[in-house]
Amino acid sequence: MSGDDSPRSRQLGLFGPPATDGGGPLGPAEVTDEIAGLAQELPKSLRLGTSSWSFPGWEGLLWDRAATKKQLARDGLAVYARHPLLRAVGVDRTYYAPISADAFADYATAVPEDFRFLVKAASQCTTPNHRDARGRPDGPNELFLHPPYAADEVVAPYVEGLGEKGGALLFQFPPLGAKITNKPESFAERLHRFIDDLPRGPRYAVELRDGDLLVPLYFEALDACGARHCFNIHPRMSSLEAQRAAAGDRAAGPVVARWMLHAGLGYEEAQRRYAPFSSLVDEDPPNRSALAELVLDHALAGHDVIVTANNKAEGSAPLTLYRLAGAIVDLLRERGGKGA
């Protein structure tokens, strides 16, 4: 792609005729009988997915051959969506800048009707300060929790482009600092006003990096607006068990969960350690078990569940999800339940 490299231009023609690169169109990797069987046993209300679909290192896991980033930008999503276990995907690039309804519509046409997208809202909505080139605070962000901007630039294109395939719109907050975390009730009240002023219809989810904000008023605010807390595994956040305990009965209902980053690592360090993301490097059985219990409890209650995993959780998002699916099915069998 050359010339204009705006977010809008990068989406044009993503899903035209498949790029062959001289070896035929990109196709899906062979799925083992074991993985296909797990997909059949999982509850139908539970959708698993990776945080993106753009990694050449997934050759043999998702892709049937070596693929360039250009091929994956063009054909990767349609191939990804043919995998029986992967019925959702995260769209993280929208955190850096909103994209158009047409771009979302291109995504929607590439996947089956039962597929769902977990889309991150633009960071302008959730970051209280502008940052300079060194990442230091550089004045207040006037778009922080600003409903008109979020409604027009984030929610409207998401709804128009994805329709029913929009599984959830996620507002991910970075670590917010003591000025905010020392007054968690004030944050909860402002969050309530923000979500309450957004258009009705989409499922909204909120992801935090500050456990101090998990006060009862936070969950009450989400509940009042029909929004959901995004349970997340991240070194900066409280454990899943602590998040579930804080939510209490208000956790009943649909669930959004993200497995993000291995303990003790930063994103850049994890990137170096795990690339090209083709194998599990640092397995995390305790978090796998906790997440399996969380999502199975809700799926068996008939609630919609979307879970995404990042390469930086254990080394390879597809392999993390294969292991997670196995843990969920093992639990399901122990309980004598059925996935349908």
Foldseek 3Di string as FASTA:
>chain_A
DDDDPDLAVLLPQLADPQDQVPPGGKAFADDDPLLVVLLQFAALLEAEEAADQQFQLCDNVTIVDRDDSSNCSRQRLLRNQVRSRHQEYEDEVQQQPFYALQSLQVSQVSHDPSHAYEYEHHVLQAAQADADPVRDGDGGRPNHLPQVCCQPRPVVSNCNNNPPRHQEYEYEHEAHDCVDLVCLLVVLVSNLVSLQSHDPDHAYEYEYLAQSNLAPSNLVSCVVNNYYYEAEADQSYDASVSSCVSCDPSNAAEYHYEYEAAPPDDPVRLCVVQPPLNDFAADDVVNLLSVLVVVLVRSVVVHRYYYYYYCRRGRHRSVSSSVSSVSNSVVCVVVVHGSD
